[in-house]
Protein backbone atom coordinates (compact mmCIF):
# COMPACT_ATOMS: atom_id res chain seq x y z
CA MET A 1 0.00 0.00 0.00
CA PRO A 2 1.43 3.46 -0.87
CA ALA A 3 2.65 5.53 2.09
CA ASP A 4 0.05 8.25 1.48
CA GLU A 5 -2.87 5.86 1.86
CA PRO A 6 -4.54 5.15 5.21
CA SER A 7 -2.88 2.20 6.90
CA VAL A 8 -6.27 0.84 7.93
CA MET A 9 -8.76 0.94 5.11
CA PRO A 10 -12.13 2.38 6.09
CA GLN A 11 -15.01 0.06 6.73
CA ASN A 12 -17.44 2.48 5.18
CA SER A 13 -17.14 5.10 2.47
CA LEU A 14 -19.57 7.29 0.58
CA GLU A 15 -18.85 8.61 -2.91
CA ARG A 16 -19.37 12.30 -3.65
CA PRO A 17 -19.75 13.43 -7.25
CA GLY A 18 -16.60 15.34 -8.25
CA ASP A 19 -14.87 14.81 -4.91
CA GLY A 20 -13.04 12.03 -3.14
CA PRO A 21 -14.67 9.51 -0.82
CA ILE A 22 -16.03 10.38 2.60
CA TYR A 23 -15.36 7.90 5.39
CA SER A 24 -17.12 6.96 8.56
CA GLY A 25 -14.12 4.87 9.66
CA PRO A 26 -12.22 3.46 11.29
CA ILE A 27 -9.37 5.24 9.54
CA GLU A 28 -5.79 6.22 10.42
CA SER A 29 -3.76 9.18 9.30
CA ALA A 30 -1.10 8.51 6.67
CA SER A 31 2.61 8.52 7.51
CA VAL A 32 3.31 10.95 4.63
CA ASN A 33 1.20 13.93 3.52
CA SER A 34 1.97 13.60 -0.19
CA TRP A 35 -1.54 14.76 -1.13
CA SER A 36 -0.60 18.41 -0.51
CA ASP A 37 2.69 20.24 -1.07
CA GLY A 38 1.75 22.83 1.57
CA VAL A 39 1.24 20.37 4.43
CA ARG A 40 4.27 19.17 6.41
CA ASN A 41 4.61 15.46 7.17
CA PRO A 42 3.93 14.10 10.67
CA ALA A 43 6.74 14.05 13.19
CA PRO A 44 8.22 10.53 13.45
CA GLY A 45 5.87 8.06 15.10
CA MET A 46 2.88 10.44 15.13
CA LYS A 47 -0.56 9.39 13.89
CA LEU A 48 -4.27 9.53 14.57
CA ALA A 49 -5.69 6.02 14.89
CA ASP A 50 -9.13 4.37 14.91
CA VAL A 51 -10.88 7.62 13.93
CA THR A 52 -14.57 6.78 13.57
CA LEU A 53 -17.66 8.89 12.91
CA GLN A 54 -21.09 7.78 14.07
CA LEU A 55 -24.12 9.76 12.95
CA SER A 56 -27.23 9.43 15.07
CA PRO A 57 -29.92 7.22 13.49
CA VAL A 58 -32.47 9.05 11.33
CA GLU A 59 -35.17 8.01 13.79
CA GLU A 60 -33.49 10.22 16.43
CA TRP A 61 -33.24 13.33 14.23
CA GLU A 62 -35.42 16.27 15.14
CA TYR A 63 -37.54 18.25 12.70
CA ASP A 64 -36.68 21.95 12.99
CA PRO A 65 -38.60 23.87 10.28
CA ARG A 66 -36.93 27.26 10.71
CA HIS A 67 -33.68 26.40 12.52
CA LEU A 68 -35.13 28.02 15.64
CA GLN A 69 -35.53 25.12 18.04
CA TYR A 70 -31.96 23.71 17.92
CA THR A 71 -28.59 25.46 17.66
CA ASP A 72 -25.71 24.12 15.57
CA ASP A 73 -22.74 23.34 17.81
CA LEU A 74 -19.32 21.67 17.81
CA ASP A 75 -17.45 20.48 20.91
CA VAL A 76 -14.01 18.84 21.20
CA ASP A 77 -12.79 16.91 24.25
CA VAL A 78 -9.34 15.41 24.77
CA SER A 79 -8.74 12.89 27.55
CA GLU A 80 -6.63 14.06 30.51
CA ASP A 81 -3.85 11.64 29.58
CA GLY A 82 -3.85 12.88 25.96
CA ASP A 83 -4.50 9.40 24.53
CA THR A 84 -8.00 9.81 23.04
CA PHE A 85 -10.37 12.44 21.71
CA GLU A 86 -14.10 12.87 21.17
CA ILE A 87 -15.76 15.36 18.84
CA ILE A 88 -19.49 15.99 19.17
CA GLY A 89 -21.27 17.89 16.44
CA GLN A 90 -24.91 18.90 16.34
CA PHE A 91 -25.94 20.31 12.98
CA HIS A 92 -28.77 20.71 10.56
CA LEU A 93 -29.13 18.58 7.43
CA ARG A 94 -31.13 19.55 4.35
CA THR A 95 -32.74 16.15 3.84
CA SER A 96 -32.99 12.83 5.64
CA CYS A 97 -30.71 11.37 2.94
CA ASP A 98 -27.78 13.71 3.63
CA THR A 99 -25.01 12.98 6.14
CA TYR A 100 -21.66 14.09 7.55
CA GLY A 101 -18.42 12.20 7.00
CA LEU A 102 -14.65 12.29 7.48
CA SER A 103 -12.94 13.76 4.42
CA HIS A 104 -9.41 14.14 5.85
CA VAL A 105 -7.60 12.70 8.86
CA PHE A 106 -3.96 13.80 8.92
CA VAL A 107 -1.09 14.91 11.13
CA GLU A 108 1.07 17.93 10.33
CA ASP A 109 4.23 17.86 12.44
CA ARG A 110 2.74 17.40 15.97
CA VAL A 111 -0.78 18.66 15.21
CA GLY A 112 -3.64 16.28 14.43
CA ASN A 113 -6.32 17.38 11.95
CA VAL A 114 -9.81 15.96 11.48
CA VAL A 115 -11.94 17.37 8.67
CA ILE A 116 -15.69 16.72 8.68
CA ASP A 117 -17.68 17.45 5.52
CA TYR A 118 -21.36 17.76 4.75
CA VAL A 119 -22.37 15.12 2.20
CA GLU A 120 -25.37 15.65 -0.04
CA GLN A 121 -26.85 12.39 -1.25
CA TYR A 122 -28.04 13.09 -4.76
CA SER A 123 -29.77 9.72 -4.95
CA CYS A 124 -32.46 10.97 -2.60
CA ASP A 125 -35.93 10.61 -4.04
CA GLY A 126 -38.27 13.58 -4.47
CA SER A 127 -40.32 12.92 -1.34
CA ASP A 128 -37.35 13.68 0.93
CA ARG A 129 -36.50 16.85 -0.99
CA ASP A 130 -39.69 18.47 0.35
CA THR A 131 -38.09 18.99 3.76
CA TYR A 132 -34.95 20.99 2.91
CA GLY A 133 -33.03 22.39 5.86
CA HIS A 134 -35.23 20.97 8.52
CA TRP A 135 -33.37 18.03 10.09
CA PHE A 136 -31.20 18.35 13.19
CA ALA A 137 -28.81 15.47 13.91
CA GLN A 138 -25.80 14.66 16.07
CA TYR A 139 -22.53 12.94 15.21
CA VAL A 140 -19.78 11.64 17.48
CA ILE A 141 -16.20 11.15 16.29
CA THR A 142 -13.74 9.22 18.43
CA GLY A 143 -10.07 8.48 17.91
CA GLU A 144 -6.69 7.87 19.47
CA PHE A 145 -3.44 9.82 19.53
CA VAL A 146 -0.27 7.84 18.84
CA GLY A 147 2.72 9.95 19.91
CA ALA A 148 3.06 13.22 21.83
CA PHE A 149 0.72 15.72 20.13
CA ASP A 150 0.69 19.48 20.70
CA SER A 151 -2.91 20.01 19.61
CA LEU A 152 -5.90 18.74 17.63
CA ILE A 153 -7.59 20.89 14.99
CA VAL A 154 -11.14 20.04 14.01
CA TRP A 155 -12.58 21.46 10.79
CA HIS A 156 -16.33 21.25 10.21
CA ARG A 157 -17.26 22.21 6.65
CA ASN A 158 -20.91 22.45 5.75
CA GLY A 159 -20.37 24.71 2.77
CA HIS A 160 -23.44 26.70 3.84
CA VAL A 161 -25.52 23.89 2.36
CA ALA A 162 -27.51 23.01 5.45
CA HIS A 163 -27.54 26.33 7.23
CA PRO A 164 -26.55 29.40 5.18
CA ASP A 165 -26.19 31.63 8.26
CA PHE A 166 -23.77 29.31 10.07
CA PRO A 167 -20.04 29.91 9.43
CA SER A 168 -18.17 27.39 7.31
CA PRO A 169 -15.65 26.12 7.89
CA ILE A 170 -15.62 26.05 11.66
CA ARG A 171 -12.10 25.60 13.05
CA ILE A 172 -11.47 24.58 16.65
CA GLU A 173 -7.96 23.96 17.98
CA THR A 174 -7.63 22.11 21.27
CA PRO A 175 -4.36 21.52 23.17
CA VAL A 176 -3.40 17.92 23.89
CA PRO A 177 -2.00 17.34 27.42
């Protein structure tokens, strides 16, 4: 397997027209960041491991017709020993077919990066398209730090698809003990 590929292939991936796959995991960061000339490689021995996204089941989503009842939010927690992390996102979705997924998991020097993207499912039938912008769901992302990290940066990109008034991307940097 090439060095720029994840060392653990994802169990789940979604295809996006015109873009690369989106993963739900588990996935690990690559040992070399050859996908971008502007991103430094990880420090020796550094990686993010077992990064997994779980979206709440559709049955648990809340209908929020005008985005007034629920507030979009993103929270990042790192364990006291600096071994694990948990990211909790609560965001609106345009239809019950759409989802969130992991588009990038990488380490630059001693900083972990997790990028979450909004994924429109174009295969959605017309009946679900009648409820644009009205679904509120939660996702939880967990993972492990391998090595001594300085911080974790979480990027949430919704592209203003689900909620035009909410900033995109959201960037949160959290120190790792």
